[in-house]
Amino acid sequence: FERGQFVLYRDPEMFWSGQASHTFVCRVQRAWLEGTYD
C-alpha cells in the first residue's frame, strides 16, 4: 500500500475478541520497510 490510499482495515485484536466496530476505513499515513503501515 502507498501513502494516501484508502483501505479497509480490520483490527485483529478487536475482531478475534468479538468487539464491535473492528473494521473501518483508513487512509495510509506511512509505509514501513518491514511491511507494516501507520
PDB file of all heavy atoms in Angstrom:
ATOM      1  N   PHE A   1       0.837  -1.184   0.000  1.00  0.00           N
ATOM      2  CA  PHE A   1       0.000   0.000   0.000  1.00  0.00           C
ATOM      3  C   PHE A   1       0.880   1.245   0.000  1.00  0.00           C
ATOM      4  O   PHE A   1       2.002   1.220   0.492  1.00  0.00           O
ATOM      5  CB  PHE A   1      -0.921  -0.005   1.219  1.00  0.00           C
ATOM      6  CG  PHE A   1      -1.804  -1.227   1.271  1.00  0.00           C
ATOM      7  CD1 PHE A   1      -1.460  -2.315   2.043  1.00  0.00           C
ATOM      8  CD2 PHE A   1      -2.972  -1.279   0.533  1.00  0.00           C
ATOM      9  CE1 PHE A   1      -2.259  -3.443   2.087  1.00  0.00           C
ATOM     10  CE2 PHE A   1      -3.777  -2.394   0.565  1.00  0.00           C
ATOM     11  CZ  PHE A   1      -3.417  -3.477   1.344  1.00  0.00           C
ATOM     12  N   GLU A   2       0.345   2.321  -0.540  1.00  0.00           N
ATOM     13  CA  GLU A   2       1.093   3.561  -0.633  1.00  0.00           C
ATOM     14  C   GLU A   2       0.420   4.651   0.181  1.00  0.00           C
ATOM     15  O   GLU A   2      -0.799   4.621   0.389  1.00  0.00           O
ATOM     16  CB  GLU A   2       1.184   4.005  -2.094  1.00  0.00           C
ATOM     17  CG  GLU A   2       1.935   3.033  -2.970  1.00  0.00           C
ATOM     18  CD  GLU A   2       1.941   3.435  -4.429  1.00  0.00           C
ATOM     19  OE1 GLU A   2       1.531   4.586  -4.735  1.00  0.00           O
ATOM     20  OE2 GLU A   2       2.337   2.616  -5.255  1.00  0.00           O
ATOM     21  N   ARG A   3       1.216   5.619   0.578  1.00  0.00           N
ATOM     22  CA  ARG A   3       0.701   6.750   1.347  1.00  0.00           C
ATOM     23  C   ARG A   3      -0.439   7.424   0.585  1.00  0.00           C
ATOM     24  O   ARG A   3      -0.360   7.636  -0.622  1.00  0.00           O
ATOM     25  CB  ARG A   3       1.816   7.759   1.589  1.00  0.00           C
ATOM     26  CG  ARG A   3       1.340   8.909   2.410  1.00  0.00           C
ATOM     27  CD  ARG A   3       2.411   9.922   2.647  1.00  0.00           C
ATOM     28  NE  ARG A   3       1.780  10.999   3.393  1.00  0.00           N
ATOM     29  CZ  ARG A   3       2.411  11.895   4.060  1.00  0.00           C
ATOM     30  NH1 ARG A   3       3.714  11.894   4.074  1.00  0.00           N
ATOM     31  NH2 ARG A   3       1.766  12.829   4.714  1.00  0.00           N
ATOM     32  N   GLY A   4      -1.512   7.739   1.302  1.00  0.00           N
ATOM     33  CA  GLY A   4      -2.650   8.430   0.717  1.00  0.00           C
ATOM     34  C   GLY A   4      -3.752   7.507   0.228  1.00  0.00           C
ATOM     35  O   GLY A   4      -4.867   7.962  -0.022  1.00  0.00           O
ATOM     36  N   GLN A   5      -3.481   6.217   0.100  1.00  0.00           N
ATOM     37  CA  GLN A   5      -4.512   5.301  -0.370  1.00  0.00           C
ATOM     38  C   GLN A   5      -5.542   5.045   0.734  1.00  0.00           C
ATOM     39  O   GLN A   5      -5.222   5.068   1.920  1.00  0.00           O
ATOM     40  CB  GLN A   5      -3.904   3.962  -0.809  1.00  0.00           C
ATOM     41  CG  GLN A   5      -3.127   4.046  -2.084  1.00  0.00           C
ATOM     42  CD  GLN A   5      -2.566   2.696  -2.499  1.00  0.00           C
ATOM     43  OE1 GLN A   5      -2.082   1.922  -1.678  1.00  0.00           O
ATOM     44  NE2 GLN A   5      -2.630   2.425  -3.796  1.00  0.00           N
ATOM     45  N   PHE A   6      -6.768   4.803   0.307  1.00  0.00           N
ATOM     46  CA  PHE A   6      -7.823   4.428   1.235  1.00  0.00           C
ATOM     47  C   PHE A   6      -7.872   2.909   1.324  1.00  0.00           C
ATOM     48  O   PHE A   6      -7.828   2.218   0.302  1.00  0.00           O
ATOM     49  CB  PHE A   6      -9.176   4.968   0.768  1.00  0.00           C
ATOM     50  CG  PHE A   6      -9.289   6.459   0.908  1.00  0.00           C
ATOM     51  CD1 PHE A   6      -9.044   7.278  -0.173  1.00  0.00           C
ATOM     52  CD2 PHE A   6      -9.624   7.040   2.121  1.00  0.00           C
ATOM     53  CE1 PHE A   6      -9.140   8.656  -0.057  1.00  0.00           C
ATOM     54  CE2 PHE A   6      -9.720   8.414   2.253  1.00  0.00           C
ATOM     55  CZ  PHE A   6      -9.473   9.225   1.159  1.00  0.00           C
ATOM     56  N   VAL A   7      -7.962   2.420   2.548  1.00  0.00           N
ATOM     57  CA  VAL A   7      -8.008   0.980   2.776  1.00  0.00           C
ATOM     58  C   VAL A   7      -9.098   0.654   3.790  1.00  0.00           C
ATOM     59  O   VAL A   7      -9.491   1.504   4.593  1.00  0.00           O
ATOM     60  CB  VAL A   7      -6.654   0.435   3.294  1.00  0.00           C
ATOM     61  CG1 VAL A   7      -5.556   0.602   2.256  1.00  0.00           C
ATOM     62  CG2 VAL A   7      -6.262   1.081   4.608  1.00  0.00           C
ATOM     63  N   LEU A   8      -9.570  -0.571   3.723  1.00  0.00           N
ATOM     64  CA  LEU A   8     -10.454  -1.095   4.753  1.00  0.00           C
ATOM     65  C   LEU A   8      -9.557  -1.864   5.707  1.00  0.00           C
ATOM     66  O   LEU A   8      -8.801  -2.745   5.285  1.00  0.00           O
ATOM     67  CB  LEU A   8     -11.504  -2.010   4.127  1.00  0.00           C
ATOM     68  CG  LEU A   8     -12.645  -2.425   5.026  1.00  0.00           C
ATOM     69  CD1 LEU A   8     -13.453  -1.197   5.455  1.00  0.00           C
ATOM     70  CD2 LEU A   8     -13.549  -3.402   4.309  1.00  0.00           C
ATOM     71  N   TYR A   9      -9.572  -1.506   6.975  1.00  0.00           N
ATOM     72  CA  TYR A   9      -8.712  -2.135   7.970  1.00  0.00           C
ATOM     73  C   TYR A   9      -9.555  -2.872   8.996  1.00  0.00           C
ATOM     74  O   TYR A   9     -10.553  -2.347   9.485  1.00  0.00           O
ATOM     75  CB  TYR A   9      -7.855  -1.084   8.676  1.00  0.00           C
ATOM     76  CG  TYR A   9      -7.036  -1.656   9.818  1.00  0.00           C
ATOM     77  CD1 TYR A   9      -5.987  -2.529   9.569  1.00  0.00           C
ATOM     78  CD2 TYR A   9      -7.328  -1.333  11.129  1.00  0.00           C
ATOM     79  CE1 TYR A   9      -5.241  -3.062  10.614  1.00  0.00           C
ATOM     80  CE2 TYR A   9      -6.584  -1.856  12.183  1.00  0.00           C
ATOM     81  CZ  TYR A   9      -5.549  -2.721  11.912  1.00  0.00           C
ATOM     82  OH  TYR A   9      -4.810  -3.255  12.948  1.00  0.00           O
ATOM     83  N   ARG A  10      -9.150  -4.088   9.301  1.00  0.00           N
ATOM     84  CA  ARG A  10      -9.805  -4.874  10.351  1.00  0.00           C
ATOM     85  C   ARG A  10      -8.815  -5.035  11.487  1.00  0.00           C
ATOM     86  O   ARG A  10      -7.766  -5.649  11.322  1.00  0.00           O
ATOM     87  CB  ARG A  10     -10.226  -6.232   9.813  1.00  0.00           C
ATOM     88  CG  ARG A  10     -10.820  -7.127  10.899  1.00  0.00           C
ATOM     89  CD  ARG A  10     -11.546  -8.302  10.326  1.00  0.00           C
ATOM     90  NE  ARG A  10     -12.810  -7.808   9.785  1.00  0.00           N
ATOM     91  CZ  ARG A  10     -13.561  -8.494   8.929  1.00  0.00           C
ATOM     92  NH1 ARG A  10     -13.180  -9.663   8.509  1.00  0.00           N
ATOM     93  NH2 ARG A  10     -14.700  -7.987   8.489  1.00  0.00           N
ATOM     94  N   ASP A  11      -9.144  -4.450  12.625  1.00  0.00           N
ATOM     95  CA  ASP A  11      -8.295  -4.554  13.808  1.00  0.00           C
ATOM     96  C   ASP A  11      -8.365  -6.005  14.296  1.00  0.00           C
ATOM     97  O   ASP A  11      -9.406  -6.453  14.761  1.00  0.00           O
ATOM     98  CB  ASP A  11      -8.794  -3.596  14.890  1.00  0.00           C
ATOM     99  CG  ASP A  11      -7.892  -3.568  16.102  1.00  0.00           C
ATOM    100  OD1 ASP A  11      -7.558  -4.653  16.631  1.00  0.00           O
ATOM    101  OD2 ASP A  11      -7.537  -2.459  16.525  1.00  0.00           O
ATOM    102  N   PRO A  12      -7.252  -6.760  14.185  1.00  0.00           N
ATOM    103  CA  PRO A  12      -7.325  -8.189  14.518  1.00  0.00           C
ATOM    104  C   PRO A  12      -7.652  -8.473  15.980  1.00  0.00           C
ATOM    105  O   PRO A  12      -8.387  -9.420  16.273  1.00  0.00           O
ATOM    106  CB  PRO A  12      -5.936  -8.717  14.142  1.00  0.00           C
ATOM    107  CG  PRO A  12      -5.062  -7.531  14.017  1.00  0.00           C
ATOM    108  CD  PRO A  12      -5.928  -6.362  13.720  1.00  0.00           C
ATOM    109  N   GLU A  13      -7.126  -7.678  16.896  1.00  0.00           N
ATOM    110  CA  GLU A  13      -7.421  -7.920  18.308  1.00  0.00           C
ATOM    111  C   GLU A  13      -8.901  -7.702  18.611  1.00  0.00           C
ATOM    112  O   GLU A  13      -9.519  -8.491  19.324  1.00  0.00           O
ATOM    113  CB  GLU A  13      -6.551  -7.030  19.188  1.00  0.00           C
ATOM    114  CG  GLU A  13      -5.094  -7.442  19.169  1.00  0.00           C
ATOM    115  CD  GLU A  13      -4.241  -6.586  20.072  1.00  0.00           C
ATOM    116  OE1 GLU A  13      -4.769  -6.012  21.038  1.00  0.00           O
ATOM    117  OE2 GLU A  13      -3.032  -6.501  19.802  1.00  0.00           O
ATOM    118  N   MET A  14      -9.452  -6.625  18.054  1.00  0.00           N
ATOM    119  CA  MET A  14     -10.876  -6.362  18.280  1.00  0.00           C
ATOM    120  C   MET A  14     -11.730  -7.435  17.608  1.00  0.00           C
ATOM    121  O   MET A  14     -12.726  -7.896  18.173  1.00  0.00           O
ATOM    122  CB  MET A  14     -11.244  -4.974  17.749  1.00  0.00           C
ATOM    123  CG  MET A  14     -10.643  -3.826  18.539  1.00  0.00           C
ATOM    124  SD  MET A  14     -10.992  -2.219  17.819  1.00  0.00           S
ATOM    125  CE  MET A  14     -12.745  -2.063  18.127  1.00  0.00           C
ATOM    126  N   PHE A  15     -11.344  -7.851  16.401  1.00  0.00           N
ATOM    127  CA  PHE A  15     -12.105  -8.857  15.661  1.00  0.00           C
ATOM    128  C   PHE A  15     -12.120 -10.186  16.406  1.00  0.00           C
ATOM    129  O   PHE A  15     -13.182 -10.772  16.630  1.00  0.00           O
ATOM    130  CB  PHE A  15     -11.510  -9.040  14.263  1.00  0.00           C
ATOM    131  CG  PHE A  15     -12.160 -10.136  13.476  1.00  0.00           C
ATOM    132  CD1 PHE A  15     -13.401  -9.942  12.890  1.00  0.00           C
ATOM    133  CD2 PHE A  15     -11.532 -11.357  13.328  1.00  0.00           C
ATOM    134  CE1 PHE A  15     -14.011 -10.950  12.170  1.00  0.00           C
ATOM    135  CE2 PHE A  15     -12.140 -12.374  12.608  1.00  0.00           C
ATOM    136  CZ  PHE A  15     -13.382 -12.174  12.027  1.00  0.00           C
ATOM    137  N   TRP A  16     -10.931 -10.682  16.771  1.00  0.00           N
ATOM    138  CA  TRP A  16     -10.845 -12.000  17.393  1.00  0.00           C
ATOM    139  C   TRP A  16     -11.383 -12.019  18.822  1.00  0.00           C
ATOM    140  O   TRP A  16     -11.749 -13.082  19.332  1.00  0.00           O
ATOM    141  CB  TRP A  16      -9.409 -12.517  17.352  1.00  0.00           C
ATOM    142  CG  TRP A  16      -8.980 -12.840  15.958  1.00  0.00           C
ATOM    143  CD1 TRP A  16      -7.991 -12.231  15.243  1.00  0.00           C
ATOM    144  CD2 TRP A  16      -9.540 -13.823  15.079  1.00  0.00           C
ATOM    145  NE1 TRP A  16      -7.907 -12.769  13.984  1.00  0.00           N
ATOM    146  CE2 TRP A  16      -8.845 -13.749  13.851  1.00  0.00           C
ATOM    147  CE3 TRP A  16     -10.570 -14.751  15.201  1.00  0.00           C
ATOM    148  CZ2 TRP A  16      -9.132 -14.578  12.766  1.00  0.00           C
ATOM    149  CZ3 TRP A  16     -10.859 -15.572  14.119  1.00  0.00           C
ATOM    150  CH2 TRP A  16     -10.149 -15.485  12.923  1.00  0.00           C
ATOM    151  N   SER A  17     -11.483 -10.848  19.450  1.00  0.00           N
ATOM    152  CA  SER A  17     -12.077 -10.813  20.798  1.00  0.00           C
ATOM    153  C   SER A  17     -13.578 -10.523  20.745  1.00  0.00           C
ATOM    154  O   SER A  17     -14.223 -10.408  21.780  1.00  0.00           O
ATOM    155  CB  SER A  17     -11.359  -9.779  21.668  1.00  0.00           C
ATOM    156  OG  SER A  17     -11.541  -8.478  21.152  1.00  0.00           O
ATOM    157  N   GLY A  18     -14.131 -10.388  19.536  1.00  0.00           N
ATOM    158  CA  GLY A  18     -15.580 -10.220  19.380  1.00  0.00           C
ATOM    159  C   GLY A  18     -16.092  -8.820  19.638  1.00  0.00           C
ATOM    160  O   GLY A  18     -17.285  -8.622  19.842  1.00  0.00           O
ATOM    161  N   GLN A  19     -15.217  -7.830  19.613  1.00  0.00           N
ATOM    162  CA  GLN A  19     -15.644  -6.460  19.867  1.00  0.00           C
ATOM    163  C   GLN A  19     -16.292  -5.859  18.621  1.00  0.00           C
ATOM    164  O   GLN A  19     -15.964  -6.219  17.495  1.00  0.00           O
ATOM    165  CB  GLN A  19     -14.451  -5.604  20.282  1.00  0.00           C
ATOM    166  CG  GLN A  19     -13.819  -6.045  21.595  1.00  0.00           C
ATOM    167  CD  GLN A  19     -12.624  -5.199  21.933  1.00  0.00           C
ATOM    168  OE1 GLN A  19     -12.652  -3.980  21.798  1.00  0.00           O
ATOM    169  NE2 GLN A  19     -11.546  -5.848  22.374  1.00  0.00           N
ATOM    170  N   ALA A  20     -17.191  -4.936  18.840  1.00  0.00           N
ATOM    171  CA  ALA A  20     -17.868  -4.252  17.740  1.00  0.00           C
ATOM    172  C   ALA A  20     -16.941  -3.215  17.109  1.00  0.00           C
ATOM    173  O   ALA A  20     -15.927  -2.831  17.697  1.00  0.00           O
ATOM    174  CB  ALA A  20     -19.131  -3.571  18.258  1.00  0.00           C
ATOM    175  N   SER A  21     -17.301  -2.768  15.931  1.00  0.00           N
ATOM    176  CA  SER A  21     -16.575  -1.705  15.212  1.00  0.00           C
ATOM    177  C   SER A  21     -15.120  -2.067  14.955  1.00  0.00           C
ATOM    178  O   SER A  21     -14.243  -1.212  15.027  1.00  0.00           O
ATOM    179  CB  SER A  21     -16.674  -0.389  15.976  1.00  0.00           C
ATOM    180  OG  SER A  21     -18.018  -0.032  16.161  1.00  0.00           O
ATOM    181  N   HIS A  22     -14.861  -3.316  14.635  1.00  0.00           N
ATOM    182  CA  HIS A  22     -13.492  -3.773  14.402  1.00  0.00           C
ATOM    183  C   HIS A  22     -12.987  -3.493  12.993  1.00  0.00           C
ATOM    184  O   HIS A  22     -11.800  -3.595  12.724  1.00  0.00           O
ATOM    185  CB  HIS A  22     -13.361  -5.270  14.686  1.00  0.00           C
ATOM    186  CG  HIS A  22     -14.390  -6.103  14.003  1.00  0.00           C
ATOM    187  ND1 HIS A  22     -14.436  -6.283  12.641  1.00  0.00           N
ATOM    188  CD2 HIS A  22     -15.435  -6.785  14.519  1.00  0.00           C
ATOM    189  CE1 HIS A  22     -15.447  -7.057  12.334  1.00  0.00           C
ATOM    190  NE2 HIS A  22     -16.081  -7.368  13.456  1.00  0.00           N
ATOM    191  N   THR A  23     -13.876  -3.113  12.066  1.00  0.00           N
ATOM    192  CA  THR A  23     -13.477  -2.877  10.681  1.00  0.00           C
ATOM    193  C   THR A  23     -13.889  -1.471  10.282  1.00  0.00           C
ATOM    194  O   THR A  23     -15.038  -1.085  10.475  1.00  0.00           O
ATOM    195  CB  THR A  23     -14.145  -3.914   9.756  1.00  0.00           C
ATOM    196  OG1 THR A  23     -13.802  -5.220  10.233  1.00  0.00           O
ATOM    197  CG2 THR A  23     -13.663  -3.760   8.328  1.00  0.00           C
ATOM    198  N   PHE A  24     -12.928  -0.708   9.723  1.00  0.00           N
ATOM    199  CA  PHE A  24     -13.219   0.680   9.391  1.00  0.00           C
ATOM    200  C   PHE A  24     -12.308   1.165   8.268  1.00  0.00           C
ATOM    201  O   PHE A  24     -11.266   0.567   7.984  1.00  0.00           O
ATOM    202  CB  PHE A  24     -13.111   1.583  10.627  1.00  0.00           C
ATOM    203  CG  PHE A  24     -11.911   1.303  11.498  1.00  0.00           C
ATOM    204  CD1 PHE A  24     -10.733   2.013  11.334  1.00  0.00           C
ATOM    205  CD2 PHE A  24     -11.978   0.323  12.485  1.00  0.00           C
ATOM    206  CE1 PHE A  24      -9.637   1.755  12.145  1.00  0.00           C
ATOM    207  CE2 PHE A  24     -10.875   0.061  13.292  1.00  0.00           C
ATOM    208  CZ  PHE A  24      -9.711   0.782  13.117  1.00  0.00           C
ATOM    209  N   VAL A  25     -12.709   2.248   7.627  1.00  0.00           N
ATOM    210  CA  VAL A  25     -11.957   2.825   6.520  1.00  0.00           C
ATOM    211  C   VAL A  25     -10.847   3.714   7.060  1.00  0.00           C
ATOM    212  O   VAL A  25     -11.070   4.513   7.971  1.00  0.00           O
ATOM    213  CB  VAL A  25     -12.886   3.647   5.597  1.00  0.00           C
ATOM    214  CG1 VAL A  25     -12.089   4.341   4.496  1.00  0.00           C
ATOM    215  CG2 VAL A  25     -13.966   2.749   5.004  1.00  0.00           C
ATOM    216  N   CYS A  26      -9.655   3.546   6.482  1.00  0.00           N
ATOM    217  CA  CYS A  26      -8.489   4.335   6.885  1.00  0.00           C
ATOM    218  C   CYS A  26      -7.784   4.882   5.656  1.00  0.00           C
ATOM    219  O   CYS A  26      -7.993   4.422   4.540  1.00  0.00           O
ATOM    220  CB  CYS A  26      -7.493   3.465   7.651  1.00  0.00           C
ATOM    221  SG  CYS A  26      -8.068   2.885   9.239  1.00  0.00           S
ATOM    222  N   ARG A  27      -6.932   5.849   5.917  1.00  0.00           N
ATOM    223  CA  ARG A  27      -6.031   6.368   4.895  1.00  0.00           C
ATOM    224  C   ARG A  27      -4.614   6.010   5.339  1.00  0.00           C
ATOM    225  O   ARG A  27      -4.262   6.170   6.507  1.00  0.00           O
ATOM    226  CB  ARG A  27      -6.186   7.874   4.774  1.00  0.00           C
ATOM    227  CG  ARG A  27      -5.395   8.433   3.624  1.00  0.00           C
ATOM    228  CD  ARG A  27      -5.700   9.892   3.409  1.00  0.00           C
ATOM    229  NE  ARG A  27      -5.714  10.089   1.973  1.00  0.00           N
ATOM    230  CZ  ARG A  27      -6.396  11.001   1.352  1.00  0.00           C
ATOM    231  NH1 ARG A  27      -7.149  11.825   2.029  1.00  0.00           N
ATOM    232  NH2 ARG A  27      -6.340  11.112   0.055  1.00  0.00           N
ATOM    233  N   VAL A  28      -3.812   5.503   4.404  1.00  0.00           N
ATOM    234  CA  VAL A  28      -2.439   5.134   4.719  1.00  0.00           C
ATOM    235  C   VAL A  28      -1.630   6.409   4.957  1.00  0.00           C
ATOM    236  O   VAL A  28      -1.576   7.288   4.106  1.00  0.00           O
ATOM    237  CB  VAL A  28      -1.807   4.297   3.580  1.00  0.00           C
ATOM    238  CG1 VAL A  28      -0.346   3.988   3.890  1.00  0.00           C
ATOM    239  CG2 VAL A  28      -2.600   3.021   3.351  1.00  0.00           C
ATOM    240  N   GLN A  29      -1.032   6.498   6.135  1.00  0.00           N
ATOM    241  CA  GLN A  29      -0.231   7.658   6.522  1.00  0.00           C
ATOM    242  C   GLN A  29       1.249   7.424   6.223  1.00  0.00           C
ATOM    243  O   GLN A  29       1.946   8.313   5.770  1.00  0.00           O
ATOM    244  CB  GLN A  29      -0.423   7.925   8.023  1.00  0.00           C
ATOM    245  CG  GLN A  29       0.208   9.185   8.525  1.00  0.00           C
ATOM    246  CD  GLN A  29      -0.593  10.410   8.116  1.00  0.00           C
ATOM    247  OE1 GLN A  29      -1.762  10.313   7.785  1.00  0.00           O
ATOM    248  NE2 GLN A  29       0.048  11.549   8.113  1.00  0.00           N
ATOM    249  N   ARG A  30       1.706   6.194   6.498  1.00  0.00           N
ATOM    250  CA  ARG A  30       3.130   5.880   6.324  1.00  0.00           C
ATOM    251  C   ARG A  30       3.278   4.381   6.089  1.00  0.00           C
ATOM    252  O   ARG A  30       2.567   3.577   6.682  1.00  0.00           O
ATOM    253  CB  ARG A  30       3.893   6.275   7.585  1.00  0.00           C
ATOM    254  CG  ARG A  30       5.373   6.029   7.527  1.00  0.00           C
ATOM    255  CD  ARG A  30       6.094   6.527   8.782  1.00  0.00           C
ATOM    256  NE  ARG A  30       6.011   7.996   8.811  1.00  0.00           N
ATOM    257  CZ  ARG A  30       5.579   8.698   9.857  1.00  0.00           C
ATOM    258  NH1 ARG A  30       5.189   8.096  10.951  1.00  0.00           N
ATOM    259  NH2 ARG A  30       5.542  10.008   9.804  1.00  0.00           N
ATOM    260  N   ALA A  31       4.216   4.005   5.218  1.00  0.00           N
ATOM    261  CA  ALA A  31       4.549   2.602   4.978  1.00  0.00           C
ATOM    262  C   ALA A  31       5.944   2.336   5.532  1.00  0.00           C
ATOM    263  O   ALA A  31       6.878   3.089   5.249  1.00  0.00           O
ATOM    264  CB  ALA A  31       4.508   2.297   3.483  1.00  0.00           C
ATOM    265  N   TRP A  32       6.077   1.289   6.321  1.00  0.00           N
ATOM    266  CA  TRP A  32       7.365   0.939   6.916  1.00  0.00           C
ATOM    267  C   TRP A  32       8.024  -0.158   6.093  1.00  0.00           C
ATOM    268  O   TRP A  32       7.346  -0.948   5.434  1.00  0.00           O
ATOM    269  CB  TRP A  32       7.176   0.483   8.361  1.00  0.00           C
ATOM    270  CG  TRP A  32       6.643   1.568   9.244  1.00  0.00           C
ATOM    271  CD1 TRP A  32       5.358   1.734   9.645  1.00  0.00           C
ATOM    272  CD2 TRP A  32       7.376   2.658   9.797  1.00  0.00           C
ATOM    273  NE1 TRP A  32       5.241   2.852  10.426  1.00  0.00           N
ATOM    274  CE2 TRP A  32       6.468   3.435  10.540  1.00  0.00           C
ATOM    275  CE3 TRP A  32       8.710   3.049   9.745  1.00  0.00           C
ATOM    276  CZ2 TRP A  32       6.860   4.583  11.223  1.00  0.00           C
ATOM    277  CZ3 TRP A  32       9.102   4.198  10.431  1.00  0.00           C
ATOM    278  CH2 TRP A  32       8.175   4.941  11.156  1.00  0.00           C
ATOM    279  N   LEU A  33       9.345  -0.224   6.126  1.00  0.00           N
ATOM    280  CA  LEU A  33      10.102  -1.185   5.336  1.00  0.00           C
ATOM    281  C   LEU A  33       9.748  -2.634   5.648  1.00  0.00           C
ATOM    282  O   LEU A  33       9.794  -3.491   4.778  1.00  0.00           O
ATOM    283  CB  LEU A  33      11.608  -0.975   5.521  1.00  0.00           C
ATOM    284  CG  LEU A  33      12.177   0.308   4.914  1.00  0.00           C
ATOM    285  CD1 LEU A  33      13.652   0.440   5.247  1.00  0.00           C
ATOM    286  CD2 LEU A  33      11.964   0.329   3.410  1.00  0.00           C
ATOM    287  N   GLU A  34       9.403  -2.917   6.889  1.00  0.00           N
ATOM    288  CA  GLU A  34       9.094  -4.302   7.263  1.00  0.00           C
ATOM    289  C   GLU A  34       7.690  -4.735   6.828  1.00  0.00           C
ATOM    290  O   GLU A  34       7.262  -5.834   7.120  1.00  0.00           O
ATOM    291  CB  GLU A  34       9.292  -4.529   8.766  1.00  0.00           C
ATOM    292  CG  GLU A  34       8.341  -3.766   9.661  1.00  0.00           C
ATOM    293  CD  GLU A  34       8.840  -2.369  10.033  1.00  0.00           C
ATOM    294  OE1 GLU A  34       9.877  -1.921   9.537  1.00  0.00           O
ATOM    295  OE2 GLU A  34       8.153  -1.723  10.832  1.00  0.00           O
ATOM    296  N   GLY A  35       6.991  -3.854   6.121  1.00  0.00           N
ATOM    297  CA  GLY A  35       5.684  -4.230   5.578  1.00  0.00           C
ATOM    298  C   GLY A  35       4.501  -3.883   6.455  1.00  0.00           C
ATOM    299  O   GLY A  35       3.402  -4.389   6.238  1.00  0.00           O
ATOM    300  N   THR A  36       4.703  -3.029   7.443  1.00  0.00           N
ATOM    301  CA  THR A  36       3.579  -2.570   8.258  1.00  0.00           C
ATOM    302  C   THR A  36       3.274  -1.124   7.889  1.00  0.00           C
ATOM    303  O   THR A  36       4.035  -0.471   7.185  1.00  0.00           O
ATOM    304  CB  THR A  36       3.877  -2.693   9.761  1.00  0.00           C
ATOM    305  OG1 THR A  36       5.008  -1.891  10.076  1.00  0.00           O
ATOM    306  CG2 THR A  36       4.117  -4.151  10.145  1.00  0.00           C
ATOM    307  N   TYR A  37       2.156  -0.623   8.410  1.00  0.00           N
ATOM    308  CA  TYR A  37       1.669   0.687   7.999  1.00  0.00           C
ATOM    309  C   TYR A  37       1.131   1.457   9.185  1.00  0.00           C
ATOM    310  O   TYR A  37       0.629   0.884  10.144  1.00  0.00           O
ATOM    311  CB  TYR A  37       0.541   0.521   6.970  1.00  0.00           C
ATOM    312  CG  TYR A  37       0.982  -0.250   5.756  1.00  0.00           C
ATOM    313  CD1 TYR A  37       0.913  -1.635   5.721  1.00  0.00           C
ATOM    314  CD2 TYR A  37       1.510   0.406   4.653  1.00  0.00           C
ATOM    315  CE1 TYR A  37       1.348  -2.347   4.617  1.00  0.00           C
ATOM    316  CE2 TYR A  37       1.944  -0.296   3.546  1.00  0.00           C
ATOM    317  CZ  TYR A  37       1.855  -1.671   3.538  1.00  0.00           C
ATOM    318  OH  TYR A  37       2.297  -2.361   2.434  1.00  0.00           O
ATOM    319  N   ASP A  38       1.231   2.779   9.094  1.00  0.00           N
ATOM    320  CA  ASP A  38       0.546   3.673  10.019  1.00  0.00           C
ATOM    321  C   ASP A  38      -0.682   4.175   9.280  1.00  0.00           C
ATOM    322  O   ASP A  38      -0.586   4.616   8.128  1.00  0.00           O
ATOM    323  CB  ASP A  38       1.432   4.852  10.425  1.00  0.00           C
ATOM    324  CG  ASP A  38       2.538   4.438  11.392  1.00  0.00           C
ATOM    325  OD1 ASP A  38       2.477   3.316  11.938  1.00  0.00           O
ATOM    326  OD2 ASP A  38       3.458   5.240  11.594  1.00  0.00           O
TER     327      ASP A  38
END
